[in-house]
Each structure stands twice: as C-alpha cells, then as structure tokens.
N, C-alpha and C. Protein backbone atom coordinates (compact mmCIF):
# COMPACT_ATOMS: atom_id res chain seq x y z
N UNK A 1 -5.72 -16.02 -17.99
CA UNK A 1 -5.89 -14.61 -17.71
C UNK A 1 -5.13 -13.83 -18.77
N UNK A 2 -5.81 -12.87 -19.36
CA UNK A 2 -5.21 -12.11 -20.45
C UNK A 2 -4.25 -11.06 -19.92
N UNK A 3 -3.41 -10.61 -20.81
CA UNK A 3 -2.46 -9.56 -20.48
C UNK A 3 -3.18 -8.28 -20.08
N UNK A 4 -4.32 -8.01 -20.71
CA UNK A 4 -5.11 -6.83 -20.35
C UNK A 4 -5.64 -6.94 -18.93
N UNK A 5 -6.08 -8.11 -18.55
CA UNK A 5 -6.59 -8.32 -17.19
C UNK A 5 -5.47 -8.13 -16.17
N UNK A 6 -4.30 -8.63 -16.48
CA UNK A 6 -3.15 -8.47 -15.58
C UNK A 6 -2.80 -6.99 -15.47
N UNK A 7 -2.79 -6.28 -16.59
CA UNK A 7 -2.49 -4.85 -16.57
C UNK A 7 -3.50 -4.08 -15.72
N UNK A 8 -4.77 -4.47 -15.79
CA UNK A 8 -5.79 -3.81 -14.97
C UNK A 8 -5.55 -4.08 -13.49
N UNK A 9 -5.19 -5.32 -13.16
CA UNK A 9 -4.88 -5.65 -11.76
C UNK A 9 -3.68 -4.87 -11.26
N UNK A 10 -2.66 -4.78 -12.09
CA UNK A 10 -1.47 -4.02 -11.71
C UNK A 10 -1.84 -2.57 -11.45
N UNK A 11 -2.63 -2.00 -12.32
CA UNK A 11 -3.06 -0.61 -12.14
C UNK A 11 -3.85 -0.44 -10.85
N UNK A 12 -4.75 -1.36 -10.59
CA UNK A 12 -5.55 -1.31 -9.37
C UNK A 12 -4.66 -1.41 -8.14
N UNK A 13 -3.70 -2.32 -8.18
CA UNK A 13 -2.79 -2.48 -7.04
C UNK A 13 -1.91 -1.25 -6.85
N UNK A 14 -1.47 -0.63 -7.93
CA UNK A 14 -0.66 0.58 -7.81
C UNK A 14 -1.46 1.70 -7.14
N UNK A 15 -2.70 1.84 -7.52
CA UNK A 15 -3.57 2.85 -6.91
C UNK A 15 -3.77 2.54 -5.43
N UNK A 16 -4.01 1.27 -5.12
CA UNK A 16 -4.20 0.86 -3.73
C UNK A 16 -2.94 1.14 -2.92
N UNK A 17 -1.78 0.84 -3.49
CA UNK A 17 -0.51 1.11 -2.81
C UNK A 17 -0.33 2.58 -2.50
N UNK A 18 -0.70 3.45 -3.44
CA UNK A 18 -0.61 4.89 -3.22
C UNK A 18 -1.55 5.34 -2.11
N UNK A 19 -2.75 4.79 -2.11
CA UNK A 19 -3.72 5.15 -1.08
C UNK A 19 -3.27 4.68 0.30
N UNK A 20 -2.69 3.49 0.34
CA UNK A 20 -2.17 2.97 1.62
C UNK A 20 -1.03 3.85 2.10
N UNK A 21 -0.14 4.25 1.19
CA UNK A 21 0.97 5.14 1.56
C UNK A 21 0.43 6.46 2.12
N UNK A 22 -0.60 7.01 1.50
CA UNK A 22 -1.20 8.24 2.00
C UNK A 22 -1.71 8.06 3.44
N UNK A 23 -2.36 6.93 3.68
CA UNK A 23 -2.85 6.65 5.04
C UNK A 23 -1.68 6.51 6.02
N UNK A 24 -0.60 5.90 5.56
CA UNK A 24 0.58 5.74 6.42
C UNK A 24 1.18 7.11 6.76
N UNK A 25 1.24 8.01 5.78
CA UNK A 25 1.76 9.35 6.05
C UNK A 25 0.86 10.09 7.03
N UNK A 26 -0.43 9.88 6.91
CA UNK A 26 -1.35 10.47 7.88
C UNK A 26 -1.06 9.93 9.28
N UNK A 27 -0.77 8.64 9.36
CA UNK A 27 -0.44 8.04 10.65
C UNK A 27 0.85 8.63 11.22
N UNK A 28 1.82 8.92 10.34
CA UNK A 28 3.06 9.55 10.80
C UNK A 28 2.76 10.94 11.37
N UNK A 29 1.92 11.70 10.67
CA UNK A 29 1.52 13.02 11.19
C UNK A 29 0.79 12.87 12.53
N UNK A 30 -0.04 11.85 12.62
CA UNK A 30 -0.75 11.60 13.88
C UNK A 30 0.23 11.29 15.01
N UNK A 31 1.31 10.58 14.69
CA UNK A 31 2.33 10.30 15.70
C UNK A 31 2.93 11.60 16.22
N UNK A 32 3.13 12.55 15.31
CA UNK A 32 3.75 13.81 15.68
C UNK A 32 2.88 14.62 16.64
N UNK A 33 1.57 14.42 16.57
CA UNK A 33 0.69 15.14 17.50
C UNK A 33 0.35 14.29 18.72
N UNK A 34 0.93 13.09 18.77
CA UNK A 34 0.83 12.30 19.98
C UNK A 34 -0.30 11.29 20.07
N UNK A 35 -0.94 10.95 18.98
CA UNK A 35 -1.97 9.93 19.06
C UNK A 35 -1.35 8.57 19.36
N UNK A 36 -1.88 7.89 20.33
CA UNK A 36 -1.27 6.67 20.85
C UNK A 36 -1.17 5.52 19.86
N UNK A 37 -2.20 5.30 19.07
CA UNK A 37 -2.21 4.12 18.19
C UNK A 37 -1.56 4.39 16.84
N UNK A 38 -1.11 5.60 16.59
CA UNK A 38 -0.62 5.99 15.26
C UNK A 38 0.60 5.19 14.83
N UNK A 39 1.51 4.93 15.75
CA UNK A 39 2.73 4.21 15.39
C UNK A 39 2.41 2.79 14.92
N UNK A 40 1.55 2.11 15.64
CA UNK A 40 1.17 0.74 15.25
C UNK A 40 0.38 0.75 13.94
N UNK A 41 -0.48 1.75 13.78
CA UNK A 41 -1.25 1.87 12.54
C UNK A 41 -0.32 2.09 11.36
N UNK A 42 0.67 2.96 11.52
CA UNK A 42 1.62 3.23 10.44
C UNK A 42 2.40 1.96 10.08
N UNK A 43 2.83 1.20 11.07
CA UNK A 43 3.57 -0.04 10.81
C UNK A 43 2.71 -1.04 10.04
N UNK A 44 1.46 -1.20 10.44
CA UNK A 44 0.56 -2.14 9.75
C UNK A 44 0.27 -1.68 8.32
N UNK A 45 0.09 -0.38 8.15
CA UNK A 45 -0.15 0.14 6.80
C UNK A 45 1.05 -0.05 5.89
N UNK A 46 2.24 0.19 6.40
CA UNK A 46 3.43 0.02 5.58
C UNK A 46 3.65 -1.46 5.25
N UNK A 47 3.30 -2.34 6.17
CA UNK A 47 3.38 -3.77 5.89
C UNK A 47 2.40 -4.13 4.76
N UNK A 48 1.21 -3.58 4.83
CA UNK A 48 0.22 -3.82 3.77
C UNK A 48 0.71 -3.27 2.44
N UNK A 49 1.33 -2.11 2.46
CA UNK A 49 1.84 -1.50 1.22
C UNK A 49 2.93 -2.38 0.62
N UNK A 50 3.83 -2.89 1.47
CA UNK A 50 4.88 -3.79 0.96
C UNK A 50 4.28 -5.02 0.30
N UNK A 51 3.21 -5.56 0.89
CA UNK A 51 2.54 -6.72 0.31
C UNK A 51 1.94 -6.39 -1.05
N UNK A 52 1.36 -5.20 -1.17
CA UNK A 52 0.78 -4.77 -2.43
C UNK A 52 1.87 -4.61 -3.49
N UNK A 53 2.99 -3.99 -3.10
CA UNK A 53 4.12 -3.83 -4.03
C UNK A 53 4.63 -5.19 -4.48
N UNK A 54 4.74 -6.12 -3.55
CA UNK A 54 5.20 -7.47 -3.88
C UNK A 54 4.25 -8.15 -4.85
N UNK A 55 2.95 -8.01 -4.63
CA UNK A 55 1.95 -8.60 -5.53
C UNK A 55 2.05 -7.96 -6.91
N UNK A 56 2.25 -6.66 -6.95
CA UNK A 56 2.39 -5.96 -8.22
C UNK A 56 3.60 -6.49 -9.00
N UNK A 57 4.71 -6.64 -8.31
CA UNK A 57 5.93 -7.14 -8.95
C UNK A 57 5.73 -8.57 -9.46
N UNK A 58 5.01 -9.38 -8.69
CA UNK A 58 4.75 -10.76 -9.10
C UNK A 58 3.92 -10.77 -10.38
N UNK A 59 2.91 -9.91 -10.44
CA UNK A 59 2.07 -9.85 -11.65
C UNK A 59 2.86 -9.35 -12.85
N UNK A 60 3.75 -8.41 -12.62
CA UNK A 60 4.56 -7.89 -13.74
C UNK A 60 5.46 -8.97 -14.32
N UNK A 61 5.83 -9.94 -13.50
CA UNK A 61 6.76 -10.97 -13.98
C UNK A 61 6.05 -12.07 -14.77
N UNK A 62 4.73 -12.01 -14.86
CA UNK A 62 3.99 -13.03 -15.62
C UNK A 62 4.14 -12.82 -17.12
C-alpha cells in the first residue's frame, strides 16, 4: 500500500470522525429535549468515533 493510499484513508477517516462527532453532538442536544434513546445513541457514536481516531493513529504510524 502506497503512502498516497494511506494518506487518502487517513483523510477519509478524519472526515468520518468529524461527521460522527456531529451526530454525537446532535444526540447530546436530543438528550436536552428529552428524547429517550439519545443518551445511548451518543455513547455508541462516541465509541465509534474513538475507534475511527484509533484507526487513524494506527495508519499514521505506518
């Protein structure tokens, strides 16, 4: 796998991480208005974001 391919994957993962964070913030706002599933949704989204960040860091170390 070329360095360019890794850089593209890193970029894609960074964008995905930002989008997941946006969804998590929406879930936090939903919690504030009392939607029942928002807390669990936010937790799952933040877990997914951490996984994306971890994958990004792993690729950077190659």
